[in-house]
Amino acid sequence: MDLDDFRPIAMLLRGRTFITAIRAEGSGIEGFWLDAADDEAWAEGEQRISDLNAQGWNIYFSPNPPRSDFSGAKPKLADIPEIQFLQVDLDPDDVAGLGHPLACAKAKNSAQRFSKTYLPNIAINSGNGFQLFWMFSKPVDVKTAIRLNKKLAHAADQMSGISCSGTWNPDRIMRVAGTLNWPTGPKLRRGYPEEPTQASCLGVVPERELDVEAIDALSVPPEKYQSAATGTNIACHLDCCLSSLETILWRWTMAGCWTHTMRPCTAERRMAVIVASASWVFARGIGGMACRLLKVPL
């Protein structure tokens, strides 16, 4: 393992970066500071990261570091005094359906197209997906950062077709370049390979200026980006559940008509298609009405 890829990134984080290590299998989480400005401290931290990573721990960093006296394992929003970076996390979707190589290629293509429109300061290949970061010329408050990051995430949604709606939170931890990305149980069940993949830095451009006005001019549907930190509502929860049901029913519809051997429909399969399609349309209609009518705060 070589953290040379990560050191330029750590230097942008004022030279002192908070690291969170999470065991891929089982339970276990640790947090510690990594000092990029001091060679001796860097070597010590690099060795600790190397040892943990070799033992199956995934290594993350906080793009927006917590207060200097933080000593926990994973910073929360309340631990972060100001925001230095916006981020978008483009993970491959439908790995089970497309296969891991094709899903990663789709994520890479999406990240490249999005980067050409909204030029990031940092780009990291996480070993599966792609992490993009935009740096403020001066740190901003949390409220401002959340507003801008929601808009940026929604723009990535629209351009890439990959959902980034859960990646706008300023306390999000991201993959350390140069480390192994160990698959977790849920990822293995979704079709990710059993062997770890390598995270790497694709580029660091510190002098690039963030166009705050261009991002702030973007629009975003508020109901897609609600959380406990900003207020939730029943409509969004219901629509989320129905969207998941919609996906399941749509796949059932497709499976009802064609199997993996491409056999044609039987009478039973045609009936399954009719039932699933009707259920799918009904679920989508209810979800849409919910978001329009049930704006009731929890």
C-alpha atoms as a PDB file:
ATOM      1  CA  MET A   1       0.000   0.000   0.000  1.00  0.00           C
ATOM      2  CA  ASP A   2       1.279   3.464  -0.928  1.00  0.00           C
ATOM      3  CA  LEU A   3      -0.302   6.675   0.367  1.00  0.00           C
ATOM      4  CA  ASP A   4       1.705   8.940  -1.943  1.00  0.00           C
ATOM      5  CA  ASP A   5      -1.515   9.375  -3.951  1.00  0.00           C
ATOM      6  CA  PHE A   6      -3.321  10.652  -0.884  1.00  0.00           C
ATOM      7  CA  ARG A   7      -0.761  13.036   0.600  1.00  0.00           C
ATOM      8  CA  PRO A   8      -1.485  15.939  -1.849  1.00  0.00           C
ATOM      9  CA  ILE A   9      -5.175  15.583  -0.944  1.00  0.00           C
ATOM     10  CA  ALA A  10      -4.378  15.603   2.767  1.00  0.00           C
ATOM     11  CA  MET A  11      -2.296  18.754   2.302  1.00  0.00           C
ATOM     12  CA  LEU A  12      -5.354  20.529   0.900  1.00  0.00           C
ATOM     13  CA  LEU A  13      -7.188  19.623   4.113  1.00  0.00           C
ATOM     14  CA  ARG A  14      -4.918  22.045   5.981  1.00  0.00           C
ATOM     15  CA  GLY A  15      -2.356  19.279   6.369  1.00  0.00           C
ATOM     16  CA  ARG A  16      -4.284  17.478   9.105  1.00  0.00           C
ATOM     17  CA  THR A  17      -6.864  14.896   8.098  1.00  0.00           C
ATOM     18  CA  PHE A  18      -9.243  12.817  10.193  1.00  0.00           C
ATOM     19  CA  ILE A  19      -9.203   9.123   9.309  1.00  0.00           C
ATOM     20  CA  THR A  20     -11.984   6.625  10.028  1.00  0.00           C
ATOM     21  CA  ALA A  21     -11.256   2.889   9.720  1.00  0.00           C
ATOM     22  CA  ILE A  22     -14.203   0.462   9.542  1.00  0.00           C
ATOM     23  CA  ARG A  23     -13.869  -3.316   9.495  1.00  0.00           C
ATOM     24  CA  ALA A  24     -15.402  -4.749   6.298  1.00  0.00           C
ATOM     25  CA  GLU A  25     -16.524  -7.972   8.010  1.00  0.00           C
ATOM     26  CA  GLY A  26     -17.900  -7.978  11.526  1.00  0.00           C
ATOM     27  CA  SER A  27     -17.914  -4.919  13.749  1.00  0.00           C
ATOM     28  CA  GLY A  28     -15.153  -2.457  14.470  1.00  0.00           C
ATOM     29  CA  ILE A  29     -14.494   1.235  13.948  1.00  0.00           C
ATOM     30  CA  GLU A  30     -11.512   3.444  14.809  1.00  0.00           C
ATOM     31  CA  GLY A  31     -10.716   7.106  14.290  1.00  0.00           C
ATOM     32  CA  PHE A  32      -7.449   9.052  14.391  1.00  0.00           C
ATOM     33  CA  TRP A  33      -5.714  12.127  12.983  1.00  0.00           C
ATOM     34  CA  LEU A  34      -3.220  11.946  10.116  1.00  0.00           C
ATOM     35  CA  ASP A  35      -0.698  14.788   9.843  1.00  0.00           C
ATOM     36  CA  ALA A  36       0.498  15.313   6.264  1.00  0.00           C
ATOM     37  CA  ALA A  37       2.729  18.297   7.070  1.00  0.00           C
ATOM     38  CA  ASP A  38       5.118  16.350   9.310  1.00  0.00           C
ATOM     39  CA  ASP A  39       7.154  13.536   7.729  1.00  0.00           C
ATOM     40  CA  GLU A  40       7.565  11.539  10.926  1.00  0.00           C
ATOM     41  CA  ALA A  41       3.882  11.798  11.873  1.00  0.00           C
ATOM     42  CA  TRP A  42       2.910  10.929   8.283  1.00  0.00           C
ATOM     43  CA  ALA A  43       5.086   7.788   8.288  1.00  0.00           C
ATOM     44  CA  GLU A  44       3.551   6.689  11.599  1.00  0.00           C
ATOM     45  CA  GLY A  45       0.005   7.271  10.352  1.00  0.00           C
ATOM     46  CA  GLU A  46       0.752   5.570   7.031  1.00  0.00           C
ATOM     47  CA  GLN A  47       1.960   2.467   8.849  1.00  0.00           C
ATOM     48  CA  ARG A  48      -1.174   2.372  11.001  1.00  0.00           C
ATOM     49  CA  ILE A  49      -3.379   2.695   7.917  1.00  0.00           C
ATOM     50  CA  SER A  50      -1.355   0.010   6.100  1.00  0.00           C
ATOM     51  CA  ASP A  51      -1.701  -2.430   8.999  1.00  0.00           C
ATOM     52  CA  LEU A  52      -5.461  -1.897   9.350  1.00  0.00           C
ATOM     53  CA  ASN A  53      -6.093  -2.034   5.603  1.00  0.00           C
ATOM     54  CA  ALA A  54      -4.116  -5.282   5.237  1.00  0.00           C
ATOM     55  CA  GLN A  55      -6.317  -6.822   7.948  1.00  0.00           C
ATOM     56  CA  GLY A  56      -9.541  -6.097   6.043  1.00  0.00           C
ATOM     57  CA  TRP A  57     -10.410  -2.622   7.329  1.00  0.00           C
ATOM     58  CA  ASN A  58     -11.719   0.016   4.910  1.00  0.00           C
ATOM     59  CA  ILE A  59     -10.038   3.406   5.310  1.00  0.00           C
ATOM     60  CA  TYR A  60     -11.919   6.700   4.911  1.00  0.00           C
ATOM     61  CA  PHE A  61     -11.184  10.390   5.415  1.00  0.00           C
ATOM     62  CA  SER A  62     -13.336  13.393   6.267  1.00  0.00           C
ATOM     63  CA  PRO A  63     -13.188  15.978   3.439  1.00  0.00           C
ATOM     64  CA  ASN A  64     -14.547  18.460   5.963  1.00  0.00           C
ATOM     65  CA  PRO A  65     -12.500  17.817   9.116  1.00  0.00           C
ATOM     66  CA  PRO A  66     -14.053  18.003  12.582  1.00  0.00           C
ATOM     67  CA  ARG A  67     -12.889  20.464  15.212  1.00  0.00           C
ATOM     68  CA  SER A  68      -9.229  20.036  16.156  1.00  0.00           C
ATOM     69  CA  ASP A  69      -9.943  18.440  19.562  1.00  0.00           C
ATOM     70  CA  PHE A  70     -12.256  15.735  18.142  1.00  0.00           C
ATOM     71  CA  SER A  71     -11.323  12.299  19.453  1.00  0.00           C
ATOM     72  CA  GLY A  72     -14.217  10.060  18.383  1.00  0.00           C
ATOM     73  CA  ALA A  73     -14.294   7.431  15.635  1.00  0.00           C
ATOM     74  CA  LYS A  74     -16.525   9.088  12.998  1.00  0.00           C
ATOM     75  CA  PRO A  75     -17.406  12.809  12.979  1.00  0.00           C
ATOM     76  CA  LYS A  76     -21.030  13.902  12.922  1.00  0.00           C
ATOM     77  CA  LEU A  77     -22.369  17.107  11.421  1.00  0.00           C
ATOM     78  CA  ALA A  78     -22.312  18.828  14.821  1.00  0.00           C
ATOM     79  CA  ASP A  79     -18.562  18.126  15.073  1.00  0.00           C
ATOM     80  CA  ILE A  80     -17.738  20.068  11.889  1.00  0.00           C
ATOM     81  CA  PRO A  81     -17.399  23.836  12.428  1.00  0.00           C
ATOM     82  CA  GLU A  82     -17.112  24.901   8.766  1.00  0.00           C
ATOM     83  CA  ILE A  83     -17.153  23.414   5.297  1.00  0.00           C
ATOM     84  CA  GLN A  84     -14.227  23.386   2.898  1.00  0.00           C
ATOM     85  CA  PHE A  85     -15.425  20.887   0.255  1.00  0.00           C
ATOM     86  CA  LEU A  86     -18.511  19.826  -1.680  1.00  0.00           C
ATOM     87  CA  GLN A  87     -18.555  16.232  -2.919  1.00  0.00           C
ATOM     88  CA  VAL A  88     -20.351  13.803  -5.217  1.00  0.00           C
ATOM     89  CA  ASP A  89     -20.004  10.025  -4.917  1.00  0.00           C
ATOM     90  CA  LEU A  90     -20.777   8.165  -8.165  1.00  0.00           C
ATOM     91  CA  ASP A  91     -20.984   4.502  -7.173  1.00  0.00           C
ATOM     92  CA  PRO A  92     -21.830   1.862  -9.799  1.00  0.00           C
ATOM     93  CA  ASP A  93     -25.514   0.954  -9.866  1.00  0.00           C
ATOM     94  CA  ASP A  94     -27.150  -2.347 -10.820  1.00  0.00           C
ATOM     95  CA  VAL A  95     -23.944  -4.355 -10.367  1.00  0.00           C
ATOM     96  CA  ALA A  96     -26.012  -7.544 -10.184  1.00  0.00           C
ATOM     97  CA  GLY A  97     -27.744  -6.793 -13.483  1.00  0.00           C
ATOM     98  CA  LEU A  98     -24.880  -5.313 -15.503  1.00  0.00           C
ATOM     99  CA  GLY A  99     -21.963  -7.128 -13.911  1.00  0.00           C
ATOM    100  CA  HIS A 100     -19.234  -5.366 -11.932  1.00  0.00           C
ATOM    101  CA  PRO A 101     -16.940  -4.369 -14.867  1.00  0.00           C
ATOM    102  CA  LEU A 102     -19.763  -2.882 -16.953  1.00  0.00           C
ATOM    103  CA  ALA A 103     -21.342  -1.100 -13.964  1.00  0.00           C
ATOM    104  CA  CYS A 104     -17.954   0.443 -13.059  1.00  0.00           C
ATOM    105  CA  ALA A 105     -17.411   1.496 -16.680  1.00  0.00           C
ATOM    106  CA  LYS A 106     -20.796   3.235 -16.633  1.00  0.00           C
ATOM    107  CA  ALA A 107     -19.864   5.058 -13.411  1.00  0.00           C
ATOM    108  CA  LYS A 108     -16.510   6.092 -14.910  1.00  0.00           C
ATOM    109  CA  ASN A 109     -18.155   7.454 -18.042  1.00  0.00           C
ATOM    110  CA  SER A 110     -20.672   9.364 -15.919  1.00  0.00           C
ATOM    111  CA  ALA A 111     -17.925  10.823 -13.719  1.00  0.00           C
ATOM    112  CA  GLN A 112     -15.921  11.938 -16.751  1.00  0.00           C
ATOM    113  CA  ARG A 113     -18.915  13.659 -18.354  1.00  0.00           C
ATOM    114  CA  PHE A 114     -19.891  15.371 -15.116  1.00  0.00           C
ATOM    115  CA  SER A 115     -16.306  16.502 -14.485  1.00  0.00           C
ATOM    116  CA  LYS A 116     -16.175  18.236 -17.855  1.00  0.00           C
ATOM    117  CA  THR A 117     -19.180  20.372 -16.909  1.00  0.00           C
ATOM    118  CA  TYR A 118     -18.417  20.971 -13.224  1.00  0.00           C
ATOM    119  CA  LEU A 119     -14.625  20.921 -12.943  1.00  0.00           C
ATOM    120  CA  PRO A 120     -13.586  19.312  -9.610  1.00  0.00           C
ATOM    121  CA  ASN A 121     -10.446  20.014  -7.595  1.00  0.00           C
ATOM    122  CA  ILE A 122      -9.984  16.360  -6.644  1.00  0.00           C
ATOM    123  CA  ALA A 123     -11.013  13.101  -8.327  1.00  0.00           C
ATOM    124  CA  ILE A 124     -10.616   9.691  -6.690  1.00  0.00           C
ATOM    125  CA  ASN A 125     -11.282   6.238  -8.090  1.00  0.00           C
ATOM    126  CA  SER A 126     -12.607   4.431  -5.007  1.00  0.00           C
ATOM    127  CA  GLY A 127     -11.915   1.040  -6.559  1.00  0.00           C
ATOM    128  CA  ASN A 128     -15.534   0.728  -7.639  1.00  0.00           C
ATOM    129  CA  GLY A 129     -16.956   4.200  -8.182  1.00  0.00           C
ATOM    130  CA  PHE A 130     -15.694   7.750  -8.460  1.00  0.00           C
ATOM    131  CA  GLN A 131     -15.519  10.530  -5.854  1.00  0.00           C
ATOM    132  CA  LEU A 132     -15.377  14.162  -6.966  1.00  0.00           C
ATOM    133  CA  PHE A 133     -14.587  17.138  -4.722  1.00  0.00           C
ATOM    134  CA  TRP A 134     -14.930  20.917  -5.150  1.00  0.00           C
ATOM    135  CA  MET A 135     -13.034  23.255  -2.832  1.00  0.00           C
ATOM    136  CA  PHE A 136     -14.277  26.629  -1.609  1.00  0.00           C
ATOM    137  CA  SER A 137     -11.797  29.512  -1.785  1.00  0.00           C
ATOM    138  CA  LYS A 138     -12.886  30.232   1.801  1.00  0.00           C
ATOM    139  CA  PRO A 139     -14.726  27.861   4.159  1.00  0.00           C
ATOM    140  CA  VAL A 140     -18.504  28.364   4.352  1.00  0.00           C
ATOM    141  CA  ASP A 141     -21.123  27.580   6.963  1.00  0.00           C
ATOM    142  CA  VAL A 142     -22.874  24.224   7.094  1.00  0.00           C
ATOM    143  CA  LYS A 143     -26.259  25.527   5.918  1.00  0.00           C
ATOM    144  CA  THR A 144     -24.775  27.087   2.778  1.00  0.00           C
ATOM    145  CA  ALA A 145     -22.768  23.960   1.994  1.00  0.00           C
ATOM    146  CA  ILE A 146     -25.804  21.688   2.321  1.00  0.00           C
ATOM    147  CA  ARG A 147     -27.830  23.877  -0.041  1.00  0.00           C
ATOM    148  CA  LEU A 148     -25.100  23.872  -2.679  1.00  0.00           C
ATOM    149  CA  ASN A 149     -24.227  20.185  -2.325  1.00  0.00           C
ATOM    150  CA  LYS A 150     -27.866  19.147  -2.779  1.00  0.00           C
ATOM    151  CA  LYS A 151     -27.967  21.055  -6.048  1.00  0.00           C
ATOM    152  CA  LEU A 152     -24.682  19.580  -7.214  1.00  0.00           C
ATOM    153  CA  ALA A 153     -25.810  16.046  -6.317  1.00  0.00           C
ATOM    154  CA  HIS A 154     -29.085  16.532  -8.181  1.00  0.00           C
ATOM    155  CA  ALA A 155     -27.190  17.780 -11.260  1.00  0.00           C
ATOM    156  CA  ALA A 156     -25.078  14.600 -11.090  1.00  0.00           C
ATOM    157  CA  ASP A 157     -28.292  12.552 -10.803  1.00  0.00           C
ATOM    158  CA  GLN A 158     -29.681  14.113 -13.951  1.00  0.00           C
ATOM    159  CA  MET A 159     -26.505  13.914 -16.017  1.00  0.00           C
ATOM    160  CA  SER A 160     -25.278  10.476 -14.983  1.00  0.00           C
ATOM    161  CA  GLY A 161     -28.447   8.502 -14.341  1.00  0.00           C
ATOM    162  CA  ILE A 162     -26.775   7.273 -11.130  1.00  0.00           C
ATOM    163  CA  SER A 163     -28.422   8.269  -7.863  1.00  0.00           C
ATOM    164  CA  CYS A 164     -26.255  10.679  -5.854  1.00  0.00           C
ATOM    165  CA  SER A 165     -29.092  11.940  -3.663  1.00  0.00           C
ATOM    166  CA  GLY A 166     -27.577  10.390  -0.542  1.00  0.00           C
ATOM    167  CA  THR A 167     -24.105  11.885  -0.949  1.00  0.00           C
ATOM    168  CA  TRP A 168     -24.653  15.572  -0.157  1.00  0.00           C
ATOM    169  CA  ASN A 169     -24.085  15.517   3.623  1.00  0.00           C
ATOM    170  CA  PRO A 170     -20.997  17.532   4.723  1.00  0.00           C
ATOM    171  CA  ASP A 171     -20.036  14.928   7.357  1.00  0.00           C
ATOM    172  CA  ARG A 172     -19.723  12.201   4.738  1.00  0.00           C
ATOM    173  CA  ILE A 173     -16.546  10.113   4.873  1.00  0.00           C
ATOM    174  CA  MET A 174     -14.810   9.144   1.623  1.00  0.00           C
ATOM    175  CA  ARG A 175     -12.332   6.506   0.463  1.00  0.00           C
ATOM    176  CA  VAL A 176      -8.608   7.118   1.028  1.00  0.00           C
ATOM    177  CA  ALA A 177      -6.697   6.902  -2.276  1.00  0.00           C
ATOM    178  CA  GLY A 178      -3.953   4.298  -2.205  1.00  0.00           C
ATOM    179  CA  THR A 179      -5.852   1.835  -0.004  1.00  0.00           C
ATOM    180  CA  LEU A 180      -7.675  -1.407  -0.743  1.00  0.00           C
ATOM    181  CA  ASN A 181     -11.467  -1.277  -0.986  1.00  0.00           C
ATOM    182  CA  TRP A 182     -12.689  -4.394   0.832  1.00  0.00           C
ATOM    183  CA  PRO A 183     -16.211  -5.556  -0.111  1.00  0.00           C
ATOM    184  CA  THR A 184     -18.775  -5.655   2.689  1.00  0.00           C
ATOM    185  CA  GLY A 185     -21.513  -8.255   3.050  1.00  0.00           C
ATOM    186  CA  PRO A 186     -24.219  -6.080   1.412  1.00  0.00           C
ATOM    187  CA  LYS A 187     -21.937  -5.336  -1.560  1.00  0.00           C
ATOM    188  CA  LEU A 188     -21.127  -9.013  -2.042  1.00  0.00           C
ATOM    189  CA  ARG A 189     -24.849  -9.768  -2.125  1.00  0.00           C
ATOM    190  CA  ARG A 190     -25.276  -7.078  -4.802  1.00  0.00           C
ATOM    191  CA  GLY A 191     -22.727  -8.721  -7.074  1.00  0.00           C
ATOM    192  CA  TYR A 192     -19.435  -7.039  -6.155  1.00  0.00           C
ATOM    193  CA  PRO A 193     -16.300  -9.217  -6.492  1.00  0.00           C
ATOM    194  CA  GLU A 194     -14.923 -10.972  -3.420  1.00  0.00           C
ATOM    195  CA  GLU A 195     -11.402  -9.668  -3.979  1.00  0.00           C
ATOM    196  CA  PRO A 196     -10.611  -6.119  -2.810  1.00  0.00           C
ATOM    197  CA  THR A 197     -10.121  -3.386  -5.404  1.00  0.00           C
ATOM    198  CA  GLN A 198      -7.540  -0.589  -5.397  1.00  0.00           C
ATOM    199  CA  ALA A 199      -8.472   3.047  -4.726  1.00  0.00           C
ATOM    200  CA  SER A 200      -6.366   5.686  -6.478  1.00  0.00           C
ATOM    201  CA  CYS A 201      -6.142   9.440  -6.981  1.00  0.00           C
ATOM    202  CA  LEU A 202      -7.041  10.529 -10.517  1.00  0.00           C
ATOM    203  CA  GLY A 203      -6.031  14.154 -10.087  1.00  0.00           C
ATOM    204  CA  VAL A 204      -5.600  17.125  -7.754  1.00  0.00           C
ATOM    205  CA  VAL A 205      -5.993  20.683  -9.082  1.00  0.00           C
ATOM    206  CA  PRO A 206      -5.863  23.030  -6.061  1.00  0.00           C
ATOM    207  CA  GLU A 207      -5.828  26.259  -8.093  1.00  0.00           C
ATOM    208  CA  ARG A 208      -9.172  25.553  -9.774  1.00  0.00           C
ATOM    209  CA  GLU A 209     -11.901  27.923  -8.522  1.00  0.00           C
ATOM    210  CA  LEU A 210     -15.334  26.688  -7.542  1.00  0.00           C
ATOM    211  CA  ASP A 211     -18.073  28.485  -9.482  1.00  0.00           C
ATOM    212  CA  VAL A 212     -20.450  28.976  -6.565  1.00  0.00           C
ATOM    213  CA  GLU A 213     -22.884  31.125  -8.556  1.00  0.00           C
ATOM    214  CA  ALA A 214     -23.282  28.479 -11.261  1.00  0.00           C
ATOM    215  CA  ILE A 215     -24.021  25.760  -8.703  1.00  0.00           C
ATOM    216  CA  ASP A 216     -26.370  27.975  -6.701  1.00  0.00           C
ATOM    217  CA  ALA A 217     -28.319  28.694  -9.897  1.00  0.00           C
ATOM    218  CA  LEU A 218     -29.142  24.992 -10.257  1.00  0.00           C
ATOM    219  CA  SER A 219     -32.553  23.801  -9.154  1.00  0.00           C
ATOM    220  CA  VAL A 220     -33.296  20.777  -7.002  1.00  0.00           C
ATOM    221  CA  PRO A 221     -36.629  19.149  -6.028  1.00  0.00           C
ATOM    222  CA  PRO A 222     -36.605  19.467  -2.202  1.00  0.00           C
ATOM    223  CA  GLU A 223     -38.490  16.235  -1.554  1.00  0.00           C
ATOM    224  CA  LYS A 224     -35.629  14.170  -3.003  1.00  0.00           C
ATOM    225  CA  TYR A 225     -33.068  15.500  -0.550  1.00  0.00           C
ATOM    226  CA  GLN A 226     -34.621  15.429   2.894  1.00  0.00           C
ATOM    227  CA  SER A 227     -33.003  13.891   5.971  1.00  0.00           C
ATOM    228  CA  ALA A 228     -33.321  13.969   9.740  1.00  0.00           C
ATOM    229  CA  ALA A 229     -30.893  16.893   9.741  1.00  0.00           C
ATOM    230  CA  THR A 230     -33.060  19.057   7.491  1.00  0.00           C
ATOM    231  CA  GLY A 231     -36.571  17.753   8.110  1.00  0.00           C
ATOM    232  CA  THR A 232     -38.365  14.734   6.691  1.00  0.00           C
ATOM    233  CA  ASN A 233     -41.950  14.156   5.615  1.00  0.00           C
ATOM    234  CA  ILE A 234     -44.277  11.205   5.229  1.00  0.00           C
ATOM    235  CA  ALA A 235     -44.624  11.755   1.482  1.00  0.00           C
ATOM    236  CA  CYS A 236     -40.931  11.303   0.834  1.00  0.00           C
ATOM    237  CA  HIS A 237     -40.728   8.132   2.906  1.00  0.00           C
ATOM    238  CA  LEU A 238     -43.757   6.680   1.136  1.00  0.00           C
ATOM    239  CA  ASP A 239     -42.482   7.651  -2.291  1.00  0.00           C
ATOM    240  CA  CYS A 240     -39.081   6.128  -1.478  1.00  0.00           C
ATOM    241  CA  CYS A 241     -40.702   2.827  -0.464  1.00  0.00           C
ATOM    242  CA  LEU A 242     -42.911   2.790  -3.540  1.00  0.00           C
ATOM    243  CA  SER A 243     -39.977   3.582  -5.792  1.00  0.00           C
ATOM    244  CA  SER A 244     -38.218   0.502  -4.409  1.00  0.00           C
ATOM    245  CA  LEU A 245     -41.381  -1.519  -4.973  1.00  0.00           C
ATOM    246  CA  GLU A 246     -41.572  -0.114  -8.490  1.00  0.00           C
ATOM    247  CA  THR A 247     -38.041  -1.346  -9.227  1.00  0.00           C
ATOM    248  CA  ILE A 248     -38.797  -4.820  -7.875  1.00  0.00           C
ATOM    249  CA  LEU A 249     -42.024  -5.088  -9.842  1.00  0.00           C
ATOM    250  CA  TRP A 250     -40.409  -3.821 -13.015  1.00  0.00           C
ATOM    251  CA  ARG A 251     -37.693  -6.485 -12.767  1.00  0.00           C
ATOM    252  CA  TRP A 252     -40.366  -9.068 -12.050  1.00  0.00           C
ATOM    253  CA  THR A 253     -42.199  -7.904 -15.176  1.00  0.00           C
ATOM    254  CA  MET A 254     -39.075  -8.358 -17.284  1.00  0.00           C
ATOM    255  CA  ALA A 255     -38.306 -11.731 -15.713  1.00  0.00           C
ATOM    256  CA  GLY A 256     -41.891 -12.819 -16.312  1.00  0.00           C
ATOM    257  CA  CYS A 257     -41.525 -12.364 -20.046  1.00  0.00           C
ATOM    258  CA  TRP A 258     -37.927 -13.470 -20.659  1.00  0.00           C
ATOM    259  CA  THR A 259     -35.698 -15.730 -18.592  1.00  0.00           C
ATOM    260  CA  HIS A 260     -31.908 -15.655 -18.711  1.00  0.00           C
ATOM    261  CA  THR A 261     -32.104 -18.316 -21.464  1.00  0.00           C
ATOM    262  CA  MET A 262     -34.372 -16.009 -23.516  1.00  0.00           C
ATOM    263  CA  ARG A 263     -37.246 -18.472 -23.677  1.00  0.00           C
ATOM    264  CA  PRO A 264     -40.480 -16.943 -25.042  1.00  0.00           C
ATOM    265  CA  CYS A 265     -43.548 -16.166 -22.955  1.00  0.00           C
ATOM    266  CA  THR A 266     -45.909 -18.877 -21.816  1.00  0.00           C
ATOM    267  CA  ALA A 267     -49.504 -18.175 -20.801  1.00  0.00           C
ATOM    268  CA  GLU A 268     -48.415 -18.137 -17.161  1.00  0.00           C
ATOM    269  CA  ARG A 269     -45.635 -15.672 -17.871  1.00  0.00           C
ATOM    270  CA  ARG A 270     -47.973 -13.403 -19.826  1.00  0.00           C
ATOM    271  CA  MET A 271     -50.335 -13.327 -16.839  1.00  0.00           C
ATOM    272  CA  ALA A 272     -47.394 -12.504 -14.537  1.00  0.00           C
ATOM    273  CA  VAL A 273     -46.471  -9.639 -16.861  1.00  0.00           C
ATOM    274  CA  ILE A 274     -50.001  -8.241 -16.781  1.00  0.00           C
ATOM    275  CA  VAL A 275     -50.255  -8.432 -12.979  1.00  0.00           C
ATOM    276  CA  ALA A 276     -46.794  -6.987 -12.391  1.00  0.00           C
ATOM    277  CA  SER A 277     -47.281  -4.165 -14.908  1.00  0.00           C
ATOM    278  CA  ALA A 278     -50.594  -3.146 -13.355  1.00  0.00           C
ATOM    279  CA  SER A 279     -49.036  -3.189  -9.892  1.00  0.00           C
ATOM    280  CA  TRP A 280     -46.090  -1.154 -11.139  1.00  0.00           C
ATOM    281  CA  VAL A 281     -48.296   1.559 -12.637  1.00  0.00           C
ATOM    282  CA  PHE A 282     -50.437   1.668  -9.491  1.00  0.00           C
ATOM    283  CA  ALA A 283     -47.389   1.984  -7.210  1.00  0.00           C
ATOM    284  CA  ARG A 284     -45.894   4.787  -9.297  1.00  0.00           C
ATOM    285  CA  GLY A 285     -49.210   6.676  -9.334  1.00  0.00           C
ATOM    286  CA  ILE A 286     -49.634   6.414  -5.569  1.00  0.00           C
ATOM    287  CA  GLY A 287     -46.055   7.581  -5.037  1.00  0.00           C
ATOM    288  CA  GLY A 288     -46.583  10.635  -7.201  1.00  0.00           C
ATOM    289  CA  MET A 289     -49.807  11.586  -5.428  1.00  0.00           C
ATOM    290  CA  ALA A 290     -48.128  11.119  -2.045  1.00  0.00           C
ATOM    291  CA  CYS A 291     -45.410  13.644  -2.801  1.00  0.00           C
ATOM    292  CA  ARG A 292     -48.032  16.165  -3.933  1.00  0.00           C
ATOM    293  CA  LEU A 293     -50.594  15.685  -1.197  1.00  0.00           C
ATOM    294  CA  LEU A 294     -49.013  14.354   1.990  1.00  0.00           C
ATOM    295  CA  LYS A 295     -46.610  17.163   2.946  1.00  0.00           C
ATOM    296  CA  VAL A 296     -46.950  16.352   6.638  1.00  0.00           C
ATOM    297  CA  PRO A 297     -43.787  16.710   8.808  1.00  0.00           C
ATOM    298  CA  LEU A 298     -42.943  13.767  11.017  1.00  0.00           C
END
